[in-house]
Amino acid sequence: MVDRFMTAPGSVLDIGCGAGRESFELARMGFCVHGIDVTRPLLEEARRIARDLALDVTFTQGDGSSLEFPDESFDYVLFFGQMIHHVPGRKNRIRLLTEAGRVVKSQGTILLTYHDWDIQKDHAPWGWQDGHHCREPQPGELPQTHVALEPGDYFSRDCSGTLTDTFGFFHRFTQDEIEGEVVEAGLLIVDWASFATIGEEVDDFWKPTRVLVLHPQ
């Protein structure tokens, strides 16, 4: 999808960049990349790796739902690594998507990946409903700014297919739900792909992954 919808040396905002996994690959492809994340330790690691790899990527700490960039600053905005799942609250996710539509250029493109629950419940191998890998959060377990639990909110201790000792928040999306939030944010869905159609050689973790290609309206 990157090859189809992105052309180097365009400018890229990688929201939820973490330690820079996708940012570095895009920089190698010739893009001008700016990564943003809320987590300082991951950004410190990203900067260290960038120095070690001699890659020119800018990393800053910030909230994707309140971006400190002027309108139409980037050719491309990315939500990779299914980061949208870890934003509590429909209103907060819509605000995040709205900000992406604001800072992307009028002819620019937004790419978003997510796990489709309608696919995931049939393919995920780690016991999504066994009470050990995944459970519903309880009142008081979310930050005070996100006290209202919504249908589809869960805690999971899976990290990219590896079980950990810590439960982290995530939200399960159906196709209708995520596409509804995208439309409410004022974005246009121009294409999508599902890894589930690629074949059996794809690991079960990736079979539920969908990619949405979005344009500002």
N, C-alpha and C. Protein backbone atom coordinates (compact mmCIF):
# COMPACT_ATOMS: atom_id res chain seq x y z
N MET A 1 0.83 -1.20 0.00
CA MET A 1 0.00 0.00 0.00
C MET A 1 0.87 1.26 0.00
N VAL A 2 2.02 1.19 0.67
CA VAL A 2 2.95 2.31 0.62
C VAL A 2 3.43 2.52 -0.81
N ASP A 3 3.80 1.44 -1.49
CA ASP A 3 4.26 1.55 -2.87
C ASP A 3 3.17 2.10 -3.79
N ARG A 4 1.93 1.75 -3.51
CA ARG A 4 0.84 2.17 -4.39
C ARG A 4 0.44 3.62 -4.16
N PHE A 5 0.51 4.09 -2.92
CA PHE A 5 -0.10 5.37 -2.59
C PHE A 5 0.87 6.43 -2.08
N MET A 6 2.16 6.10 -1.97
CA MET A 6 3.13 7.06 -1.48
C MET A 6 4.31 7.15 -2.44
N THR A 7 4.83 8.37 -2.63
CA THR A 7 5.94 8.59 -3.55
C THR A 7 7.02 9.40 -2.84
N ALA A 8 8.22 8.84 -2.75
CA ALA A 8 9.37 9.58 -2.19
C ALA A 8 9.78 10.67 -3.18
N PRO A 9 10.29 11.79 -2.65
CA PRO A 9 10.69 12.10 -1.28
C PRO A 9 9.64 12.91 -0.52
N GLY A 10 8.41 12.48 -0.50
CA GLY A 10 7.37 13.22 0.18
C GLY A 10 7.59 13.30 1.68
N SER A 11 6.93 14.25 2.32
CA SER A 11 7.02 14.43 3.77
C SER A 11 5.98 13.56 4.46
N VAL A 12 6.39 12.91 5.56
CA VAL A 12 5.56 11.93 6.25
C VAL A 12 5.48 12.27 7.74
N LEU A 13 4.27 12.25 8.29
CA LEU A 13 4.09 12.31 9.74
C LEU A 13 3.66 10.93 10.21
N ASP A 14 4.49 10.30 11.03
CA ASP A 14 4.23 8.96 11.55
C ASP A 14 3.70 9.11 12.98
N ILE A 15 2.37 9.05 13.13
CA ILE A 15 1.74 9.24 14.44
C ILE A 15 1.74 7.92 15.21
N GLY A 16 2.20 7.96 16.46
CA GLY A 16 2.35 6.72 17.22
C GLY A 16 3.55 5.94 16.74
N CYS A 17 4.66 6.64 16.51
CA CYS A 17 5.84 6.04 15.87
C CYS A 17 6.58 5.07 16.77
N GLY A 18 6.35 5.15 18.10
CA GLY A 18 7.08 4.27 19.01
C GLY A 18 8.58 4.47 18.89
N ALA A 19 9.31 3.36 18.79
CA ALA A 19 10.77 3.43 18.68
C ALA A 19 11.23 3.55 17.23
N GLY A 20 10.32 3.81 16.30
CA GLY A 20 10.70 4.19 14.95
C GLY A 20 10.75 3.10 13.91
N ARG A 21 10.16 1.94 14.18
CA ARG A 21 10.28 0.82 13.25
C ARG A 21 9.90 1.21 11.82
N GLU A 22 8.69 1.77 11.63
CA GLU A 22 8.25 2.13 10.29
C GLU A 22 8.94 3.40 9.80
N SER A 23 9.21 4.33 10.73
CA SER A 23 9.86 5.58 10.35
C SER A 23 11.20 5.33 9.68
N PHE A 24 11.99 4.40 10.23
CA PHE A 24 13.31 4.12 9.68
C PHE A 24 13.20 3.50 8.28
N GLU A 25 12.26 2.60 8.11
CA GLU A 25 12.11 1.96 6.80
C GLU A 25 11.69 2.99 5.75
N LEU A 26 10.80 3.91 6.13
CA LEU A 26 10.37 4.95 5.19
C LEU A 26 11.52 5.89 4.86
N ALA A 27 12.36 6.20 5.86
CA ALA A 27 13.53 7.05 5.60
C ALA A 27 14.47 6.38 4.62
N ARG A 28 14.66 5.07 4.75
CA ARG A 28 15.51 4.33 3.81
C ARG A 28 14.94 4.39 2.40
N MET A 29 13.62 4.49 2.30
CA MET A 29 12.96 4.56 0.99
C MET A 29 13.02 5.96 0.39
N GLY A 30 13.56 6.92 1.15
CA GLY A 30 13.74 8.26 0.61
C GLY A 30 12.74 9.29 1.07
N PHE A 31 11.85 8.93 2.00
CA PHE A 31 10.88 9.89 2.52
C PHE A 31 11.50 10.77 3.59
N CYS A 32 10.93 11.96 3.76
CA CYS A 32 11.32 12.87 4.84
C CYS A 32 10.35 12.65 5.99
N VAL A 33 10.82 12.01 7.06
CA VAL A 33 9.93 11.47 8.09
C VAL A 33 10.03 12.25 9.39
N HIS A 34 8.86 12.53 9.97
CA HIS A 34 8.76 13.12 11.31
C HIS A 34 7.89 12.17 12.14
N GLY A 35 8.47 11.58 13.19
CA GLY A 35 7.73 10.68 14.05
C GLY A 35 7.28 11.38 15.32
N ILE A 36 6.05 11.07 15.78
CA ILE A 36 5.53 11.66 17.00
C ILE A 36 4.90 10.56 17.85
N ASP A 37 5.11 10.64 19.16
CA ASP A 37 4.57 9.64 20.07
C ASP A 37 4.41 10.29 21.45
N VAL A 38 3.54 9.71 22.28
CA VAL A 38 3.34 10.25 23.63
C VAL A 38 4.35 9.71 24.63
N THR A 39 5.08 8.66 24.26
CA THR A 39 5.92 7.93 25.21
C THR A 39 7.38 8.32 25.08
N ARG A 40 7.90 9.03 26.08
CA ARG A 40 9.26 9.55 26.01
C ARG A 40 10.33 8.46 25.91
N PRO A 41 10.28 7.38 26.71
CA PRO A 41 11.34 6.37 26.60
C PRO A 41 11.45 5.77 25.19
N LEU A 42 10.32 5.55 24.52
CA LEU A 42 10.38 5.01 23.17
C LEU A 42 11.03 6.01 22.21
N LEU A 43 10.73 7.29 22.39
CA LEU A 43 11.32 8.31 21.53
C LEU A 43 12.82 8.42 21.76
N GLU A 44 13.24 8.30 23.00
CA GLU A 44 14.68 8.31 23.29
C GLU A 44 15.38 7.14 22.61
N GLU A 45 14.72 5.98 22.62
CA GLU A 45 15.28 4.82 21.93
C GLU A 45 15.31 5.05 20.42
N ALA A 46 14.25 5.67 19.88
CA ALA A 46 14.20 5.95 18.45
C ALA A 46 15.34 6.88 18.03
N ARG A 47 15.59 7.90 18.83
CA ARG A 47 16.68 8.83 18.50
C ARG A 47 18.04 8.12 18.55
N ARG A 48 18.21 7.22 19.52
CA ARG A 48 19.47 6.48 19.61
C ARG A 48 19.66 5.60 18.38
N ILE A 49 18.59 4.90 17.98
CA ILE A 49 18.69 4.02 16.81
C ILE A 49 18.96 4.84 15.55
N ALA A 50 18.30 6.01 15.45
CA ALA A 50 18.52 6.87 14.28
C ALA A 50 19.99 7.27 14.16
N ARG A 51 20.60 7.59 15.32
CA ARG A 51 22.03 7.94 15.29
C ARG A 51 22.87 6.74 14.85
N ASP A 52 22.55 5.57 15.41
CA ASP A 52 23.32 4.37 15.07
C ASP A 52 23.19 4.02 13.60
N LEU A 53 22.02 4.24 13.02
CA LEU A 53 21.77 3.90 11.62
C LEU A 53 22.12 5.05 10.68
N ALA A 54 22.48 6.20 11.24
CA ALA A 54 22.78 7.39 10.44
C ALA A 54 21.62 7.76 9.54
N LEU A 55 20.40 7.71 10.10
CA LEU A 55 19.19 8.07 9.35
C LEU A 55 18.67 9.40 9.87
N ASP A 56 18.28 10.27 8.96
CA ASP A 56 17.80 11.61 9.31
C ASP A 56 16.28 11.57 9.51
N VAL A 57 15.86 11.23 10.73
CA VAL A 57 14.44 11.20 11.10
C VAL A 57 14.26 12.07 12.33
N THR A 58 13.24 12.92 12.32
CA THR A 58 12.95 13.78 13.46
C THR A 58 11.92 13.11 14.35
N PHE A 59 12.17 13.06 15.65
CA PHE A 59 11.23 12.47 16.60
C PHE A 59 10.88 13.49 17.67
N THR A 60 9.59 13.70 17.91
CA THR A 60 9.15 14.62 18.95
C THR A 60 8.05 13.98 19.78
N GLN A 61 7.96 14.41 21.03
CA GLN A 61 6.90 13.93 21.92
C GLN A 61 5.68 14.82 21.74
N GLY A 62 4.52 14.20 21.60
CA GLY A 62 3.31 14.98 21.43
C GLY A 62 2.08 14.10 21.33
N ASP A 63 0.92 14.73 21.40
CA ASP A 63 -0.38 14.07 21.36
C ASP A 63 -0.95 14.21 19.96
N GLY A 64 -1.21 13.09 19.30
CA GLY A 64 -1.73 13.12 17.95
C GLY A 64 -3.07 13.80 17.80
N SER A 65 -3.82 13.92 18.89
CA SER A 65 -5.14 14.56 18.82
C SER A 65 -5.04 16.07 18.96
N SER A 66 -3.82 16.59 19.18
CA SER A 66 -3.61 18.04 19.29
C SER A 66 -2.22 18.36 18.72
N LEU A 67 -2.13 18.32 17.39
CA LEU A 67 -0.84 18.44 16.73
C LEU A 67 -0.39 19.89 16.62
N GLU A 68 0.88 20.11 16.86
CA GLU A 68 1.43 21.47 16.80
C GLU A 68 2.08 21.72 15.44
N PHE A 69 1.31 21.44 14.38
CA PHE A 69 1.77 21.69 13.02
C PHE A 69 0.72 22.53 12.30
N PRO A 70 1.15 23.41 11.39
CA PRO A 70 0.17 24.18 10.60
C PRO A 70 -0.66 23.27 9.70
N ASP A 71 -1.75 23.80 9.19
CA ASP A 71 -2.58 23.07 8.23
C ASP A 71 -1.73 22.68 7.01
N GLU A 72 -2.05 21.50 6.46
CA GLU A 72 -1.43 21.02 5.22
C GLU A 72 0.10 21.02 5.29
N SER A 73 0.63 20.43 6.36
CA SER A 73 2.08 20.40 6.56
C SER A 73 2.75 19.19 5.92
N PHE A 74 2.00 18.09 5.69
CA PHE A 74 2.62 16.83 5.27
C PHE A 74 1.93 16.26 4.03
N ASP A 75 2.73 15.57 3.22
CA ASP A 75 2.17 14.85 2.08
C ASP A 75 1.42 13.60 2.52
N TYR A 76 1.92 12.98 3.61
CA TYR A 76 1.34 11.72 4.08
C TYR A 76 1.29 11.72 5.61
N VAL A 77 0.21 11.15 6.15
CA VAL A 77 0.09 10.91 7.59
C VAL A 77 -0.20 9.44 7.78
N LEU A 78 0.51 8.82 8.73
CA LEU A 78 0.40 7.36 8.93
C LEU A 78 -0.04 7.03 10.34
N PHE A 79 -0.95 6.05 10.42
CA PHE A 79 -1.31 5.41 11.69
C PHE A 79 -0.98 3.92 11.51
N PHE A 80 0.27 3.55 11.72
CA PHE A 80 0.69 2.18 11.50
C PHE A 80 0.75 1.43 12.83
N GLY A 81 1.02 0.13 12.74
CA GLY A 81 1.14 -0.69 13.94
C GLY A 81 -0.15 -0.79 14.74
N GLN A 82 -1.30 -0.57 14.08
CA GLN A 82 -2.61 -0.66 14.75
C GLN A 82 -2.70 0.23 15.97
N MET A 83 -2.01 1.38 15.94
CA MET A 83 -1.98 2.26 17.12
C MET A 83 -3.35 2.82 17.47
N ILE A 84 -4.25 2.90 16.49
CA ILE A 84 -5.57 3.47 16.73
C ILE A 84 -6.33 2.67 17.79
N HIS A 85 -5.98 1.38 17.95
CA HIS A 85 -6.63 0.54 18.95
C HIS A 85 -6.36 1.00 20.38
N HIS A 86 -5.28 1.71 20.59
CA HIS A 86 -4.84 2.05 21.94
C HIS A 86 -5.26 3.45 22.36
N VAL A 87 -6.17 4.05 21.61
CA VAL A 87 -6.71 5.36 21.96
C VAL A 87 -8.10 5.16 22.58
N PRO A 88 -8.26 5.40 23.87
CA PRO A 88 -9.56 5.18 24.51
C PRO A 88 -10.57 6.25 24.10
N GLY A 89 -11.77 5.83 23.78
CA GLY A 89 -12.87 6.76 23.56
C GLY A 89 -13.08 7.13 22.10
N ARG A 90 -14.30 6.93 21.63
CA ARG A 90 -14.64 7.25 20.25
C ARG A 90 -14.36 8.72 19.93
N LYS A 91 -14.73 9.64 20.83
CA LYS A 91 -14.52 11.06 20.57
C LYS A 91 -13.04 11.38 20.43
N ASN A 92 -12.20 10.72 21.24
CA ASN A 92 -10.76 10.96 21.16
C ASN A 92 -10.18 10.44 19.84
N ARG A 93 -10.67 9.30 19.38
CA ARG A 93 -10.17 8.76 18.11
C ARG A 93 -10.61 9.64 16.94
N ILE A 94 -11.84 10.14 17.01
CA ILE A 94 -12.31 11.03 15.94
C ILE A 94 -11.50 12.32 15.92
N ARG A 95 -11.17 12.85 17.10
CA ARG A 95 -10.34 14.05 17.17
C ARG A 95 -8.95 13.76 16.58
N LEU A 96 -8.41 12.59 16.85
CA LEU A 96 -7.11 12.19 16.31
C LEU A 96 -7.17 12.15 14.78
N LEU A 97 -8.20 11.53 14.23
CA LEU A 97 -8.34 11.43 12.79
C LEU A 97 -8.60 12.79 12.15
N THR A 98 -9.35 13.64 12.84
CA THR A 98 -9.62 14.98 12.34
C THR A 98 -8.33 15.78 12.23
N GLU A 99 -7.45 15.66 13.23
CA GLU A 99 -6.17 16.35 13.21
C GLU A 99 -5.31 15.86 12.04
N ALA A 100 -5.36 14.55 11.77
CA ALA A 100 -4.61 14.03 10.62
C ALA A 100 -5.11 14.67 9.33
N GLY A 101 -6.43 14.81 9.20
CA GLY A 101 -6.99 15.45 8.02
C GLY A 101 -6.62 16.91 7.90
N ARG A 102 -6.37 17.55 9.04
CA ARG A 102 -6.01 18.97 9.03
C ARG A 102 -4.57 19.18 8.55
N VAL A 103 -3.64 18.32 9.04
CA VAL A 103 -2.22 18.57 8.75
C VAL A 103 -1.76 17.92 7.45
N VAL A 104 -2.57 17.03 6.85
CA VAL A 104 -2.17 16.47 5.57
C VAL A 104 -2.56 17.44 4.46
N LYS A 105 -1.78 17.48 3.40
CA LYS A 105 -2.06 18.39 2.29
C LYS A 105 -3.35 18.00 1.58
N SER A 106 -3.95 18.95 0.89
CA SER A 106 -5.25 18.73 0.27
C SER A 106 -5.22 17.58 -0.74
N GLN A 107 -4.08 17.34 -1.36
CA GLN A 107 -3.92 16.22 -2.28
C GLN A 107 -3.14 15.07 -1.63
N GLY A 108 -3.01 15.11 -0.31
CA GLY A 108 -2.23 14.10 0.40
C GLY A 108 -3.03 12.86 0.74
N THR A 109 -2.36 11.94 1.42
CA THR A 109 -2.95 10.62 1.72
C THR A 109 -2.67 10.25 3.17
N ILE A 110 -3.65 9.62 3.80
CA ILE A 110 -3.51 9.06 5.15
C ILE A 110 -3.64 7.54 5.04
N LEU A 111 -2.69 6.81 5.64
CA LEU A 111 -2.77 5.35 5.69
C LEU A 111 -2.98 4.93 7.14
N LEU A 112 -3.94 4.04 7.36
CA LEU A 112 -4.29 3.58 8.71
C LEU A 112 -4.40 2.07 8.69
N THR A 113 -3.73 1.42 9.64
CA THR A 113 -3.88 -0.03 9.79
C THR A 113 -4.64 -0.33 11.08
N TYR A 114 -5.46 -1.37 11.03
CA TYR A 114 -6.18 -1.82 12.23
C TYR A 114 -6.48 -3.30 12.10
N HIS A 115 -6.83 -3.91 13.22
CA HIS A 115 -7.25 -5.31 13.23
C HIS A 115 -8.78 -5.37 13.24
N ASP A 116 -9.32 -6.04 12.27
CA ASP A 116 -10.76 -6.17 12.13
C ASP A 116 -11.24 -7.34 13.00
N TRP A 117 -12.08 -7.01 14.00
CA TRP A 117 -12.51 -8.04 14.94
C TRP A 117 -13.31 -9.15 14.25
N ASP A 118 -14.06 -8.82 13.21
CA ASP A 118 -14.84 -9.85 12.51
C ASP A 118 -13.92 -10.90 11.89
N ILE A 119 -12.71 -10.51 11.52
CA ILE A 119 -11.71 -11.47 11.02
C ILE A 119 -10.92 -12.06 12.18
N GLN A 120 -10.53 -11.21 13.11
CA GLN A 120 -9.62 -11.60 14.18
C GLN A 120 -10.17 -12.72 15.05
N LYS A 121 -11.46 -12.67 15.36
CA LYS A 121 -12.02 -13.68 16.26
C LYS A 121 -11.96 -15.07 15.67
N ASP A 122 -11.81 -15.17 14.34
CA ASP A 122 -11.71 -16.48 13.69
C ASP A 122 -10.28 -16.94 13.46
N HIS A 123 -9.30 -16.00 13.56
CA HIS A 123 -7.93 -16.33 13.20
C HIS A 123 -6.95 -16.25 14.36
N ALA A 124 -7.23 -15.40 15.36
CA ALA A 124 -6.24 -15.20 16.41
C ALA A 124 -6.01 -16.47 17.21
N PRO A 125 -4.75 -16.88 17.40
CA PRO A 125 -4.45 -18.16 18.04
C PRO A 125 -4.21 -18.10 19.53
N TRP A 126 -4.36 -16.92 20.18
CA TRP A 126 -3.89 -16.78 21.55
C TRP A 126 -5.00 -16.75 22.58
N GLY A 127 -6.18 -17.24 22.24
CA GLY A 127 -7.25 -17.29 23.23
C GLY A 127 -7.82 -15.93 23.54
N TRP A 128 -8.37 -15.26 22.54
CA TRP A 128 -8.84 -13.89 22.71
C TRP A 128 -9.95 -13.78 23.74
N GLN A 129 -10.61 -14.88 24.05
CA GLN A 129 -11.71 -14.81 25.00
C GLN A 129 -11.52 -15.76 26.18
N ASP A 130 -10.26 -16.09 26.47
CA ASP A 130 -10.04 -17.09 27.52
C ASP A 130 -9.84 -16.47 28.90
N GLY A 131 -9.86 -15.13 29.00
CA GLY A 131 -9.72 -14.49 30.30
C GLY A 131 -8.29 -14.34 30.76
N HIS A 132 -7.34 -14.96 30.05
CA HIS A 132 -5.93 -14.85 30.43
C HIS A 132 -5.20 -13.88 29.51
N HIS A 133 -5.50 -14.00 28.21
CA HIS A 133 -4.88 -13.09 27.25
C HIS A 133 -5.62 -11.76 27.19
N CYS A 134 -6.92 -11.79 27.36
CA CYS A 134 -7.73 -10.60 27.11
C CYS A 134 -8.89 -10.55 28.09
N ARG A 135 -9.18 -9.37 28.63
CA ARG A 135 -10.30 -9.22 29.53
C ARG A 135 -10.86 -7.80 29.44
N GLU A 136 -12.09 -7.61 29.90
CA GLU A 136 -12.69 -6.30 29.91
C GLU A 136 -12.09 -5.47 31.05
N PRO A 137 -11.81 -4.16 30.79
CA PRO A 137 -11.33 -3.30 31.88
C PRO A 137 -12.44 -3.04 32.88
N GLN A 138 -12.05 -2.73 34.09
CA GLN A 138 -13.01 -2.43 35.14
C GLN A 138 -12.99 -0.92 35.45
N PRO A 139 -14.09 -0.39 35.98
CA PRO A 139 -14.10 1.03 36.34
C PRO A 139 -12.93 1.35 37.27
N GLY A 140 -12.26 2.46 37.00
CA GLY A 140 -11.12 2.87 37.80
C GLY A 140 -9.78 2.43 37.25
N GLU A 141 -9.78 1.52 36.26
CA GLU A 141 -8.52 1.06 35.71
C GLU A 141 -7.99 1.95 34.59
N LEU A 142 -8.83 2.78 34.02
CA LEU A 142 -8.40 3.72 33.00
C LEU A 142 -8.05 5.06 33.65
N PRO A 143 -7.23 5.89 32.98
CA PRO A 143 -6.95 7.22 33.52
C PRO A 143 -8.24 8.00 33.74
N GLN A 144 -8.21 8.92 34.68
CA GLN A 144 -9.42 9.67 35.02
C GLN A 144 -9.98 10.45 33.84
N THR A 145 -9.12 10.75 32.85
CA THR A 145 -9.61 11.46 31.66
C THR A 145 -10.39 10.55 30.73
N HIS A 146 -10.35 9.24 30.97
CA HIS A 146 -11.05 8.27 30.12
C HIS A 146 -11.84 7.30 31.00
N VAL A 147 -12.74 7.82 31.78
CA VAL A 147 -13.42 6.97 32.75
C VAL A 147 -14.59 6.21 32.14
N ALA A 148 -15.08 6.64 30.98
CA ALA A 148 -16.26 6.01 30.40
C ALA A 148 -15.84 4.84 29.51
N LEU A 149 -16.17 3.63 29.94
CA LEU A 149 -15.89 2.46 29.12
C LEU A 149 -16.94 2.36 28.02
N GLU A 150 -16.53 1.85 26.86
CA GLU A 150 -17.41 1.74 25.71
C GLU A 150 -17.39 0.31 25.20
N PRO A 151 -18.45 -0.13 24.52
CA PRO A 151 -18.45 -1.47 23.93
C PRO A 151 -17.23 -1.68 23.03
N GLY A 152 -16.54 -2.77 23.21
CA GLY A 152 -15.33 -3.04 22.44
C GLY A 152 -14.05 -2.72 23.17
N ASP A 153 -14.13 -2.08 24.37
CA ASP A 153 -12.95 -1.78 25.16
C ASP A 153 -12.47 -3.04 25.90
N TYR A 154 -11.16 -3.29 25.85
CA TYR A 154 -10.60 -4.46 26.51
C TYR A 154 -9.20 -4.13 27.03
N PHE A 155 -8.70 -5.01 27.88
CA PHE A 155 -7.28 -5.03 28.23
C PHE A 155 -6.68 -6.31 27.63
N SER A 156 -5.49 -6.17 27.07
CA SER A 156 -4.81 -7.32 26.49
C SER A 156 -3.37 -7.34 26.97
N ARG A 157 -2.81 -8.54 27.12
CA ARG A 157 -1.39 -8.65 27.45
C ARG A 157 -0.57 -9.16 26.27
N ASP A 158 -1.16 -9.07 25.06
CA ASP A 158 -0.43 -9.43 23.86
C ASP A 158 0.30 -8.22 23.30
N CYS A 159 1.55 -8.39 22.93
CA CYS A 159 2.33 -7.34 22.30
C CYS A 159 2.92 -7.91 21.01
N SER A 160 2.26 -7.60 19.89
CA SER A 160 2.71 -8.09 18.57
C SER A 160 2.92 -9.60 18.56
N GLY A 161 1.99 -10.31 19.17
CA GLY A 161 2.05 -11.77 19.15
C GLY A 161 2.77 -12.39 20.31
N THR A 162 3.36 -11.58 21.20
CA THR A 162 4.07 -12.09 22.38
C THR A 162 3.29 -11.74 23.63
N LEU A 163 3.00 -12.74 24.48
CA LEU A 163 2.28 -12.48 25.71
C LEU A 163 3.22 -11.88 26.75
N THR A 164 2.74 -10.84 27.44
CA THR A 164 3.53 -10.16 28.47
C THR A 164 2.84 -10.32 29.81
N ASP A 165 3.45 -9.77 30.86
CA ASP A 165 2.85 -9.82 32.20
C ASP A 165 1.94 -8.63 32.47
N THR A 166 1.89 -7.68 31.54
CA THR A 166 1.15 -6.45 31.75
C THR A 166 -0.03 -6.35 30.79
N PHE A 167 -1.19 -6.00 31.32
CA PHE A 167 -2.37 -5.76 30.48
C PHE A 167 -2.38 -4.30 30.03
N GLY A 168 -2.57 -4.08 28.74
CA GLY A 168 -2.68 -2.73 28.20
C GLY A 168 -4.02 -2.54 27.51
N PHE A 169 -4.48 -1.30 27.46
CA PHE A 169 -5.79 -1.00 26.87
C PHE A 169 -5.77 -1.17 25.35
N PHE A 170 -6.86 -1.71 24.82
CA PHE A 170 -7.09 -1.67 23.38
C PHE A 170 -8.59 -1.72 23.11
N HIS A 171 -8.96 -1.31 21.91
CA HIS A 171 -10.36 -1.31 21.51
C HIS A 171 -10.53 -2.20 20.28
N ARG A 172 -11.51 -3.10 20.33
CA ARG A 172 -11.80 -3.97 19.20
C ARG A 172 -12.70 -3.24 18.20
N PHE A 173 -12.28 -3.21 16.94
CA PHE A 173 -13.06 -2.55 15.89
C PHE A 173 -13.71 -3.56 14.96
N THR A 174 -14.95 -3.31 14.60
CA THR A 174 -15.53 -3.93 13.42
C THR A 174 -15.29 -2.99 12.25
N GLN A 175 -15.47 -3.50 11.05
CA GLN A 175 -15.28 -2.66 9.86
C GLN A 175 -16.23 -1.46 9.88
N ASP A 176 -17.48 -1.69 10.20
CA ASP A 176 -18.45 -0.60 10.20
C ASP A 176 -18.07 0.47 11.22
N GLU A 177 -17.56 0.05 12.38
CA GLU A 177 -17.23 1.02 13.43
C GLU A 177 -16.07 1.91 13.03
N ILE A 178 -14.95 1.33 12.58
CA ILE A 178 -13.80 2.15 12.24
C ILE A 178 -14.11 3.05 11.05
N GLU A 179 -14.83 2.53 10.07
CA GLU A 179 -15.16 3.34 8.91
C GLU A 179 -16.13 4.46 9.30
N GLY A 180 -16.99 4.21 10.27
CA GLY A 180 -17.88 5.26 10.75
C GLY A 180 -17.11 6.38 11.42
N GLU A 181 -16.10 6.04 12.22
CA GLU A 181 -15.29 7.06 12.88
C GLU A 181 -14.49 7.87 11.86
N VAL A 182 -13.98 7.20 10.84
CA VAL A 182 -13.23 7.88 9.79
C VAL A 182 -14.11 8.90 9.07
N VAL A 183 -15.31 8.49 8.71
CA VAL A 183 -16.22 9.39 8.00
C VAL A 183 -16.63 10.56 8.89
N GLU A 184 -16.90 10.28 10.18
CA GLU A 184 -17.27 11.35 11.10
C GLU A 184 -16.14 12.37 11.27
N ALA A 185 -14.90 11.93 11.08
CA ALA A 185 -13.75 12.83 11.17
C ALA A 185 -13.56 13.65 9.90
N GLY A 186 -14.43 13.45 8.91
CA GLY A 186 -14.36 14.22 7.69
C GLY A 186 -13.39 13.68 6.66
N LEU A 187 -13.04 12.38 6.75
CA LEU A 187 -12.10 11.77 5.82
C LEU A 187 -12.84 10.87 4.84
N LEU A 188 -12.27 10.72 3.65
CA LEU A 188 -12.85 9.91 2.59
C LEU A 188 -12.05 8.63 2.42
N ILE A 189 -12.71 7.49 2.45
CA ILE A 189 -12.05 6.20 2.23
C ILE A 189 -11.96 5.96 0.73
N VAL A 190 -10.73 5.88 0.21
CA VAL A 190 -10.55 5.72 -1.23
C VAL A 190 -10.09 4.31 -1.61
N ASP A 191 -9.59 3.55 -0.64
CA ASP A 191 -9.17 2.18 -0.93
C ASP A 191 -8.94 1.46 0.39
N TRP A 192 -8.93 0.14 0.35
CA TRP A 192 -8.60 -0.65 1.52
C TRP A 192 -8.06 -1.99 1.08
N ALA A 193 -7.35 -2.66 1.99
CA ALA A 193 -6.83 -3.99 1.73
C ALA A 193 -6.90 -4.79 3.01
N SER A 194 -7.02 -6.10 2.88
CA SER A 194 -7.03 -7.00 4.03
C SER A 194 -5.96 -8.07 3.84
N PHE A 195 -5.12 -8.24 4.86
CA PHE A 195 -4.09 -9.27 4.78
C PHE A 195 -4.69 -10.67 4.78
N ALA A 196 -5.95 -10.79 5.18
CA ALA A 196 -6.57 -12.12 5.24
C ALA A 196 -6.70 -12.74 3.87
N THR A 197 -6.64 -11.93 2.82
CA THR A 197 -6.82 -12.46 1.46
C THR A 197 -5.51 -12.88 0.81
N ILE A 198 -4.38 -12.67 1.52
CA ILE A 198 -3.09 -12.91 0.88
C ILE A 198 -2.79 -14.40 0.76
N GLY A 199 -3.09 -15.18 1.81
CA GLY A 199 -2.81 -16.60 1.73
C GLY A 199 -2.38 -17.18 3.05
N GLU A 200 -2.24 -18.48 3.10
CA GLU A 200 -1.94 -19.16 4.35
C GLU A 200 -0.52 -18.90 4.83
N GLU A 201 0.36 -18.37 3.95
CA GLU A 201 1.72 -18.13 4.39
C GLU A 201 1.81 -16.94 5.34
N VAL A 202 0.74 -16.16 5.45
CA VAL A 202 0.72 -15.00 6.34
C VAL A 202 0.45 -15.48 7.76
N ASP A 203 1.27 -15.00 8.72
CA ASP A 203 1.08 -15.36 10.12
C ASP A 203 -0.30 -14.95 10.60
N ASP A 204 -0.87 -15.74 11.53
CA ASP A 204 -2.21 -15.47 12.02
C ASP A 204 -2.36 -14.07 12.61
N PHE A 205 -1.26 -13.52 13.16
CA PHE A 205 -1.35 -12.19 13.73
C PHE A 205 -1.73 -11.15 12.69
N TRP A 206 -1.32 -11.36 11.43
CA TRP A 206 -1.52 -10.36 10.39
C TRP A 206 -2.79 -10.59 9.59
N LYS A 207 -3.37 -11.78 9.66
CA LYS A 207 -4.57 -12.04 8.86
C LYS A 207 -5.72 -11.07 9.14
N PRO A 208 -5.91 -10.60 10.38
CA PRO A 208 -7.01 -9.65 10.62
C PRO A 208 -6.66 -8.21 10.26
N THR A 209 -5.42 -7.96 9.78
CA THR A 209 -4.99 -6.58 9.56
C THR A 209 -5.59 -6.02 8.28
N ARG A 210 -6.20 -4.85 8.42
CA ARG A 210 -6.73 -4.13 7.26
C ARG A 210 -6.00 -2.80 7.15
N VAL A 211 -5.90 -2.31 5.93
CA VAL A 211 -5.29 -1.02 5.64
C VAL A 211 -6.33 -0.13 4.99
N LEU A 212 -6.58 1.04 5.56
CA LEU A 212 -7.48 2.02 4.97
C LEU A 212 -6.65 3.14 4.35
N VAL A 213 -7.01 3.53 3.14
CA VAL A 213 -6.38 4.65 2.44
C VAL A 213 -7.39 5.80 2.47
N LEU A 214 -6.98 6.93 3.06
CA LEU A 214 -7.90 8.02 3.32
C LEU A 214 -7.41 9.31 2.67
N HIS A 215 -8.35 10.12 2.25
CA HIS A 215 -8.06 11.46 1.73
C HIS A 215 -8.89 12.48 2.51
N PRO A 216 -8.35 13.68 2.68
CA PRO A 216 -9.17 14.74 3.27
C PRO A 216 -10.25 15.18 2.28
N GLN A 217 -11.41 15.57 2.81
CA GLN A 217 -12.49 16.01 1.92
C GLN A 217 -12.43 17.53 1.72
